[in-house]
C-alpha cells in the first residue's frame, strides 16, 4: 500500500518537536551530529516503510535544499 507524503505538521506542538531535534545534537561534534542524523533518518525511513513515500520525501528534501 503506497501513501502520499504528508508535509503539513502533525505535531500538536511543532516548536517542541523542532527543539527535540536541535537538543539531540547539542554537545556533539559535527561528525557525531552527522552520524546521529544518519541514524535518525534510517530509523524514520524504516518506520515509514513505504519506498514510494521515501522517494517522494527525498525528492522534496533535495528540491528545498539551500544553495551553497
N, C-alpha and C. Protein backbone atom coordinates (compact mmCIF):
# COMPACT_ATOMS: atom_id res chain seq x y z
N UNK A 1 0.84 -1.18 0.00
CA UNK A 1 0.00 0.00 0.00
C UNK A 1 0.89 1.24 0.00
N UNK A 2 0.73 2.08 -1.00
CA UNK A 2 1.52 3.29 -1.10
C UNK A 2 0.68 4.49 -0.69
N UNK A 3 1.24 5.31 0.15
CA UNK A 3 0.58 6.53 0.59
C UNK A 3 1.26 7.72 -0.06
N UNK A 4 0.79 8.90 0.28
CA UNK A 4 1.39 10.13 -0.20
C UNK A 4 2.12 10.79 0.95
N UNK A 5 3.21 11.45 0.63
CA UNK A 5 4.00 12.15 1.64
C UNK A 5 3.18 13.26 2.28
N UNK A 6 3.15 13.29 3.59
CA UNK A 6 2.49 14.36 4.33
C UNK A 6 3.54 15.39 4.72
N UNK A 7 3.36 16.62 4.26
CA UNK A 7 4.34 17.67 4.58
C UNK A 7 3.81 18.65 5.62
N UNK A 8 2.52 18.65 5.87
CA UNK A 8 1.97 19.51 6.93
C UNK A 8 2.31 18.90 8.28
N UNK A 9 2.61 19.75 9.24
CA UNK A 9 2.96 19.25 10.57
C UNK A 9 1.80 18.48 11.19
N UNK A 10 2.14 17.35 11.78
CA UNK A 10 1.14 16.57 12.51
C UNK A 10 1.45 16.58 14.01
N UNK A 11 2.37 17.43 14.41
CA UNK A 11 2.73 17.56 15.82
C UNK A 11 1.79 18.56 16.50
N UNK A 12 1.31 18.24 17.70
CA UNK A 12 0.49 19.20 18.43
C UNK A 12 1.27 20.48 18.74
N UNK A 13 2.58 20.33 18.96
CA UNK A 13 3.44 21.48 19.24
C UNK A 13 4.69 21.36 18.35
N UNK A 14 4.62 21.87 17.11
CA UNK A 14 5.74 21.74 16.19
C UNK A 14 7.04 22.36 16.71
N UNK A 15 6.93 23.45 17.46
CA UNK A 15 8.14 24.07 18.01
C UNK A 15 8.85 23.15 18.99
N UNK A 16 8.08 22.44 19.79
CA UNK A 16 8.67 21.49 20.75
C UNK A 16 9.36 20.35 20.00
N UNK A 17 8.74 19.86 18.94
CA UNK A 17 9.35 18.79 18.14
C UNK A 17 10.67 19.28 17.53
N UNK A 18 10.68 20.50 17.03
CA UNK A 18 11.90 21.08 16.46
C UNK A 18 12.98 21.19 17.52
N UNK A 19 12.60 21.64 18.73
CA UNK A 19 13.58 21.74 19.83
C UNK A 19 14.17 20.38 20.19
N UNK A 20 13.35 19.33 20.15
CA UNK A 20 13.87 17.98 20.41
C UNK A 20 14.97 17.61 19.43
N UNK A 21 14.75 17.95 18.16
CA UNK A 21 15.76 17.65 17.14
C UNK A 21 17.04 18.46 17.38
N UNK A 22 16.90 19.71 17.73
CA UNK A 22 18.05 20.57 17.98
C UNK A 22 18.79 20.10 19.24
N UNK A 23 18.05 19.82 20.29
CA UNK A 23 18.68 19.40 21.55
C UNK A 23 19.41 18.06 21.41
N UNK A 24 18.93 17.20 20.54
CA UNK A 24 19.58 15.89 20.35
C UNK A 24 21.01 16.07 19.85
N UNK A 25 21.29 17.18 19.17
CA UNK A 25 22.62 17.42 18.58
C UNK A 25 23.52 18.24 19.50
N UNK A 26 22.96 18.81 20.56
CA UNK A 26 23.73 19.69 21.45
C UNK A 26 24.92 18.94 22.04
N UNK A 27 26.09 19.56 21.97
CA UNK A 27 27.29 19.00 22.56
C UNK A 27 28.01 17.99 21.67
N UNK A 28 27.45 17.70 20.51
CA UNK A 28 28.09 16.74 19.61
C UNK A 28 29.01 17.47 18.63
N UNK A 29 30.05 16.80 18.23
CA UNK A 29 30.90 17.35 17.17
C UNK A 29 30.11 17.29 15.86
N UNK A 30 30.62 17.95 14.83
CA UNK A 30 29.95 17.92 13.53
C UNK A 30 29.83 16.48 13.03
N UNK A 31 30.87 15.69 13.23
CA UNK A 31 30.84 14.29 12.79
C UNK A 31 29.83 13.47 13.58
N UNK A 32 29.79 13.67 14.89
CA UNK A 32 28.82 12.95 15.73
C UNK A 32 27.39 13.35 15.37
N UNK A 33 27.18 14.65 15.12
CA UNK A 33 25.85 15.13 14.76
C UNK A 33 25.41 14.54 13.41
N UNK A 34 26.33 14.47 12.45
CA UNK A 34 26.02 13.89 11.15
C UNK A 34 25.68 12.41 11.30
N UNK A 35 26.41 11.69 12.16
CA UNK A 35 26.13 10.28 12.39
C UNK A 35 24.76 10.10 13.07
N UNK A 36 24.44 10.96 14.02
CA UNK A 36 23.13 10.92 14.67
C UNK A 36 22.04 11.17 13.64
N UNK A 37 22.23 12.18 12.79
CA UNK A 37 21.24 12.49 11.75
C UNK A 37 21.04 11.29 10.83
N UNK A 38 22.13 10.64 10.44
CA UNK A 38 22.04 9.48 9.55
C UNK A 38 21.27 8.34 10.22
N UNK A 39 21.56 8.08 11.48
CA UNK A 39 20.84 7.02 12.20
C UNK A 39 19.36 7.36 12.32
N UNK A 40 19.07 8.62 12.62
CA UNK A 40 17.69 9.06 12.75
C UNK A 40 16.94 8.92 11.43
N UNK A 41 17.57 9.31 10.33
CA UNK A 41 16.96 9.17 9.01
C UNK A 41 16.65 7.70 8.72
N UNK A 42 17.58 6.81 9.01
CA UNK A 42 17.36 5.38 8.75
C UNK A 42 16.23 4.82 9.62
N UNK A 43 16.19 5.22 10.88
CA UNK A 43 15.11 4.77 11.76
C UNK A 43 13.75 5.26 11.26
N UNK A 44 13.67 6.53 10.89
CA UNK A 44 12.40 7.09 10.43
C UNK A 44 12.01 6.54 9.06
N UNK A 45 12.99 6.30 8.18
CA UNK A 45 12.69 5.70 6.89
C UNK A 45 12.12 4.30 7.08
N UNK A 46 12.70 3.55 8.00
CA UNK A 46 12.18 2.22 8.30
C UNK A 46 10.77 2.31 8.88
N UNK A 47 10.52 3.30 9.71
CA UNK A 47 9.19 3.49 10.30
C UNK A 47 8.17 3.79 9.21
N UNK A 48 8.55 4.60 8.21
CA UNK A 48 7.65 4.89 7.09
C UNK A 48 7.33 3.60 6.36
N UNK A 49 8.37 2.84 6.03
CA UNK A 49 8.18 1.53 5.44
C UNK A 49 7.55 1.52 4.06
N UNK A 50 7.57 2.64 3.37
CA UNK A 50 6.96 2.73 2.05
C UNK A 50 7.96 3.39 1.11
N UNK A 51 8.48 2.61 0.17
CA UNK A 51 9.55 3.10 -0.71
C UNK A 51 9.11 4.31 -1.54
N UNK A 52 7.86 4.32 -1.99
CA UNK A 52 7.37 5.45 -2.79
C UNK A 52 7.32 6.73 -1.95
N UNK A 53 6.87 6.62 -0.73
CA UNK A 53 6.82 7.79 0.15
C UNK A 53 8.24 8.25 0.48
N UNK A 54 9.13 7.31 0.72
CA UNK A 54 10.52 7.66 0.98
C UNK A 54 11.13 8.38 -0.22
N UNK A 55 10.90 7.88 -1.43
CA UNK A 55 11.41 8.53 -2.64
C UNK A 55 10.84 9.93 -2.79
N UNK A 56 9.56 10.09 -2.48
CA UNK A 56 8.93 11.42 -2.55
C UNK A 56 9.55 12.37 -1.53
N UNK A 57 9.83 11.87 -0.33
CA UNK A 57 10.46 12.69 0.71
C UNK A 57 11.87 13.11 0.30
N UNK A 58 12.61 12.20 -0.30
CA UNK A 58 13.96 12.52 -0.77
C UNK A 58 13.90 13.61 -1.83
N UNK A 59 12.99 13.46 -2.79
CA UNK A 59 12.83 14.49 -3.83
C UNK A 59 12.48 15.84 -3.21
N UNK A 60 11.54 15.85 -2.29
CA UNK A 60 11.11 17.10 -1.66
C UNK A 60 12.26 17.74 -0.89
N UNK A 61 13.03 16.94 -0.19
CA UNK A 61 14.17 17.47 0.58
C UNK A 61 15.24 18.04 -0.34
N UNK A 62 15.49 17.38 -1.45
CA UNK A 62 16.51 17.87 -2.40
C UNK A 62 16.05 19.14 -3.09
N UNK A 63 14.75 19.24 -3.38
CA UNK A 63 14.23 20.43 -4.05
C UNK A 63 14.28 21.66 -3.15
N UNK A 64 14.20 21.47 -1.85
CA UNK A 64 14.22 22.60 -0.93
C UNK A 64 15.60 22.86 -0.34
N UNK A 65 16.60 22.17 -0.88
CA UNK A 65 17.97 22.32 -0.41
C UNK A 65 18.45 23.76 -0.67
N UNK A 66 19.09 24.33 0.34
CA UNK A 66 19.63 25.68 0.22
C UNK A 66 20.92 25.65 -0.59
N UNK A 67 21.00 26.48 -1.65
CA UNK A 67 22.24 26.52 -2.43
C UNK A 67 23.41 26.99 -1.59
N UNK A 68 24.59 26.49 -1.89
CA UNK A 68 25.79 26.90 -1.13
C UNK A 68 26.41 28.13 -1.72
